[in-house]
Amino acid sequence: MVELKVRKFGNSLGVVLPKEVINRLHTGDGEPLFLIEAPDGAYQLTPYDPAFEKKMTKAEDIIGRYRNTLHALAK
């Protein structure tokens, strides 16, 4: 567990993530992070966009259905 303190940044509030947390999240300056609320009310901080995962699942379905067409178009 890592304790974070909420600090004032201009007119906003924020937290500073320690270097070891940044390394574990595989992120860096300017990279997006996503705060996801779980069904039990807990929060999870992740570098992975859950909306992107849904889009990729849909894309994989389309690619599977149209594999032959896409293969012919790729020639």
N, C-alpha and C. Protein backbone atom coordinates (compact mmCIF):
# COMPACT_ATOMS: atom_id res chain seq x y z
N MET A 1 0.84 -1.17 0.00
CA MET A 1 0.00 0.00 0.00
C MET A 1 0.89 1.24 0.00
N VAL A 2 0.50 2.23 -0.79
CA VAL A 2 1.24 3.48 -0.88
C VAL A 2 0.30 4.60 -0.43
N GLU A 3 0.74 5.38 0.54
CA GLU A 3 -0.07 6.50 1.02
C GLU A 3 0.21 7.73 0.17
N LEU A 4 -0.86 8.36 -0.30
CA LEU A 4 -0.74 9.57 -1.09
C LEU A 4 -1.41 10.72 -0.35
N LYS A 5 -0.90 11.92 -0.53
CA LYS A 5 -1.50 13.10 0.07
C LYS A 5 -2.11 13.96 -1.01
N VAL A 6 -3.29 14.48 -0.74
CA VAL A 6 -3.96 15.39 -1.66
C VAL A 6 -3.35 16.77 -1.45
N ARG A 7 -2.97 17.41 -2.55
CA ARG A 7 -2.34 18.73 -2.49
C ARG A 7 -3.03 19.68 -3.44
N LYS A 8 -2.89 20.94 -3.16
CA LYS A 8 -3.48 21.97 -4.01
C LYS A 8 -2.49 22.32 -5.12
N PHE A 9 -2.99 22.30 -6.37
CA PHE A 9 -2.22 22.70 -7.54
C PHE A 9 -3.02 23.79 -8.25
N GLY A 10 -2.68 25.04 -8.01
CA GLY A 10 -3.46 26.14 -8.57
C GLY A 10 -4.85 26.13 -7.97
N ASN A 11 -5.87 26.03 -8.83
CA ASN A 11 -7.25 25.97 -8.36
C ASN A 11 -7.76 24.54 -8.25
N SER A 12 -6.89 23.55 -8.41
CA SER A 12 -7.29 22.15 -8.40
C SER A 12 -6.63 21.41 -7.25
N LEU A 13 -7.10 20.19 -7.03
CA LEU A 13 -6.48 19.29 -6.07
C LEU A 13 -5.89 18.12 -6.85
N GLY A 14 -4.79 17.57 -6.36
CA GLY A 14 -4.18 16.45 -7.04
C GLY A 14 -3.31 15.65 -6.09
N VAL A 15 -2.76 14.58 -6.59
CA VAL A 15 -1.82 13.76 -5.84
C VAL A 15 -0.55 13.59 -6.65
N VAL A 16 0.55 13.45 -5.97
CA VAL A 16 1.83 13.18 -6.62
C VAL A 16 2.11 11.69 -6.45
N LEU A 17 2.35 11.01 -7.57
CA LEU A 17 2.64 9.58 -7.52
C LEU A 17 4.13 9.36 -7.38
N PRO A 18 4.54 8.53 -6.42
CA PRO A 18 5.97 8.23 -6.26
C PRO A 18 6.53 7.50 -7.49
N LYS A 19 7.83 7.59 -7.66
CA LYS A 19 8.50 7.00 -8.82
C LYS A 19 8.20 5.51 -8.96
N GLU A 20 8.17 4.77 -7.86
CA GLU A 20 7.91 3.33 -7.95
C GLU A 20 6.49 3.03 -8.44
N VAL A 21 5.53 3.90 -8.13
CA VAL A 21 4.17 3.72 -8.63
C VAL A 21 4.13 4.01 -10.13
N ILE A 22 4.80 5.07 -10.55
CA ILE A 22 4.88 5.42 -11.97
C ILE A 22 5.49 4.26 -12.76
N ASN A 23 6.55 3.66 -12.23
CA ASN A 23 7.20 2.54 -12.91
C ASN A 23 6.27 1.33 -13.01
N ARG A 24 5.53 1.03 -11.94
CA ARG A 24 4.63 -0.13 -11.96
C ARG A 24 3.46 0.09 -12.91
N LEU A 25 3.02 1.34 -13.07
CA LEU A 25 1.92 1.64 -13.98
C LEU A 25 2.40 1.77 -15.43
N HIS A 26 3.72 1.72 -15.64
CA HIS A 26 4.31 1.87 -16.97
C HIS A 26 3.79 3.14 -17.64
N THR A 27 3.89 4.26 -16.94
CA THR A 27 3.41 5.53 -17.45
C THR A 27 4.47 6.60 -17.22
N GLY A 28 4.20 7.78 -17.67
CA GLY A 28 5.16 8.87 -17.51
C GLY A 28 4.47 10.21 -17.65
N ASP A 29 5.25 11.25 -17.71
CA ASP A 29 4.75 12.61 -17.78
C ASP A 29 3.87 12.81 -19.02
N GLY A 30 2.67 13.31 -18.81
CA GLY A 30 1.77 13.59 -19.91
C GLY A 30 0.94 12.40 -20.38
N GLU A 31 1.20 11.22 -19.86
CA GLU A 31 0.45 10.03 -20.25
C GLU A 31 -0.87 9.97 -19.47
N PRO A 32 -1.94 9.49 -20.11
CA PRO A 32 -3.22 9.42 -19.39
C PRO A 32 -3.27 8.25 -18.42
N LEU A 33 -3.97 8.45 -17.32
CA LEU A 33 -4.31 7.39 -16.38
C LEU A 33 -5.82 7.41 -16.21
N PHE A 34 -6.41 6.27 -15.90
CA PHE A 34 -7.85 6.16 -15.78
C PHE A 34 -8.20 5.68 -14.39
N LEU A 35 -9.10 6.39 -13.73
CA LEU A 35 -9.60 6.03 -12.41
C LEU A 35 -10.94 5.36 -12.61
N ILE A 36 -10.99 4.05 -12.34
CA ILE A 36 -12.17 3.25 -12.60
C ILE A 36 -12.84 2.90 -11.28
N GLU A 37 -14.16 3.11 -11.24
CA GLU A 37 -14.90 2.73 -10.03
C GLU A 37 -15.40 1.30 -10.20
N ALA A 38 -15.08 0.47 -9.23
CA ALA A 38 -15.50 -0.94 -9.24
C ALA A 38 -16.92 -1.05 -8.70
N PRO A 39 -17.60 -2.17 -8.98
CA PRO A 39 -18.97 -2.36 -8.48
C PRO A 39 -19.09 -2.25 -6.96
N ASP A 40 -18.02 -2.62 -6.24
CA ASP A 40 -18.06 -2.54 -4.77
C ASP A 40 -17.77 -1.14 -4.23
N GLY A 41 -17.57 -0.16 -5.12
CA GLY A 41 -17.33 1.22 -4.71
C GLY A 41 -15.85 1.57 -4.59
N ALA A 42 -14.97 0.59 -4.73
CA ALA A 42 -13.52 0.85 -4.67
C ALA A 42 -13.07 1.48 -5.99
N TYR A 43 -11.90 2.07 -5.99
CA TYR A 43 -11.34 2.68 -7.19
C TYR A 43 -10.07 1.97 -7.60
N GLN A 44 -9.82 1.97 -8.90
CA GLN A 44 -8.61 1.37 -9.45
C GLN A 44 -7.99 2.37 -10.41
N LEU A 45 -6.70 2.61 -10.26
CA LEU A 45 -5.95 3.50 -11.15
C LEU A 45 -5.20 2.65 -12.15
N THR A 46 -5.43 2.91 -13.45
CA THR A 46 -4.83 2.08 -14.48
C THR A 46 -4.44 2.93 -15.69
N PRO A 47 -3.39 2.53 -16.41
CA PRO A 47 -3.03 3.23 -17.64
C PRO A 47 -3.83 2.74 -18.84
N TYR A 48 -4.65 1.70 -18.66
CA TYR A 48 -5.37 1.10 -19.77
C TYR A 48 -6.79 1.67 -19.86
N ASP A 49 -7.16 2.15 -21.03
CA ASP A 49 -8.46 2.75 -21.27
C ASP A 49 -9.50 1.64 -21.45
N PRO A 50 -10.47 1.53 -20.55
CA PRO A 50 -11.47 0.47 -20.70
C PRO A 50 -12.32 0.64 -21.97
N ALA A 51 -12.52 1.85 -22.43
CA ALA A 51 -13.28 2.07 -23.66
C ALA A 51 -12.51 1.51 -24.86
N PHE A 52 -11.18 1.61 -24.84
CA PHE A 52 -10.36 1.07 -25.92
C PHE A 52 -10.50 -0.45 -25.98
N GLU A 53 -10.55 -1.08 -24.82
CA GLU A 53 -10.69 -2.54 -24.78
C GLU A 53 -12.01 -2.97 -25.42
N LYS A 54 -13.08 -2.23 -25.16
CA LYS A 54 -14.37 -2.55 -25.76
C LYS A 54 -14.31 -2.39 -27.28
N LYS A 55 -13.64 -1.33 -27.74
CA LYS A 55 -13.51 -1.09 -29.17
C LYS A 55 -12.71 -2.21 -29.83
N MET A 56 -11.64 -2.66 -29.18
CA MET A 56 -10.82 -3.72 -29.75
C MET A 56 -11.58 -5.04 -29.80
N THR A 57 -12.41 -5.31 -28.81
CA THR A 57 -13.22 -6.52 -28.82
C THR A 57 -14.17 -6.50 -30.02
N LYS A 58 -14.78 -5.36 -30.25
CA LYS A 58 -15.67 -5.22 -31.40
C LYS A 58 -14.89 -5.35 -32.71
N ALA A 59 -13.71 -4.74 -32.78
CA ALA A 59 -12.89 -4.83 -33.99
C ALA A 59 -12.48 -6.28 -34.27
N GLU A 60 -12.11 -7.02 -33.25
CA GLU A 60 -11.73 -8.42 -33.43
C GLU A 60 -12.90 -9.24 -33.96
N ASP A 61 -14.11 -8.93 -33.49
CA ASP A 61 -15.30 -9.61 -33.99
C ASP A 61 -15.50 -9.33 -35.48
N ILE A 62 -15.37 -8.06 -35.86
CA ILE A 62 -15.54 -7.67 -37.27
C ILE A 62 -14.47 -8.31 -38.15
N ILE A 63 -13.23 -8.30 -37.67
CA ILE A 63 -12.13 -8.91 -38.42
C ILE A 63 -12.38 -10.39 -38.62
N GLY A 64 -12.89 -11.06 -37.58
CA GLY A 64 -13.19 -12.49 -37.69
C GLY A 64 -14.27 -12.77 -38.71
N ARG A 65 -15.31 -11.94 -38.73
CA ARG A 65 -16.42 -12.16 -39.66
C ARG A 65 -16.04 -11.85 -41.10
N TYR A 66 -15.17 -10.88 -41.30
CA TYR A 66 -14.83 -10.43 -42.65
C TYR A 66 -13.37 -10.76 -43.01
N ARG A 67 -12.85 -11.82 -42.45
CA ARG A 67 -11.44 -12.20 -42.65
C ARG A 67 -11.10 -12.35 -44.13
N ASN A 68 -11.93 -13.06 -44.89
CA ASN A 68 -11.65 -13.29 -46.31
C ASN A 68 -11.70 -11.99 -47.10
N THR A 69 -12.67 -11.15 -46.82
CA THR A 69 -12.78 -9.86 -47.52
C THR A 69 -11.58 -8.99 -47.22
N LEU A 70 -11.20 -8.93 -45.97
CA LEU A 70 -10.03 -8.11 -45.59
C LEU A 70 -8.75 -8.65 -46.21
N HIS A 71 -8.64 -9.97 -46.28
CA HIS A 71 -7.47 -10.58 -46.91
C HIS A 71 -7.39 -10.20 -48.41
N ALA A 72 -8.54 -10.22 -49.09
CA ALA A 72 -8.57 -9.87 -50.51
C ALA A 72 -8.23 -8.38 -50.70
N LEU A 73 -8.73 -7.54 -49.82
CA LEU A 73 -8.44 -6.10 -49.92
C LEU A 73 -6.98 -5.77 -49.64
N ALA A 74 -6.32 -6.60 -48.85
CA ALA A 74 -4.93 -6.35 -48.47
C ALA A 74 -3.96 -6.66 -49.61
N LYS A 75 -4.42 -7.34 -50.66
CA LYS A 75 -3.53 -7.69 -51.77
C LYS A 75 -3.23 -6.51 -52.65
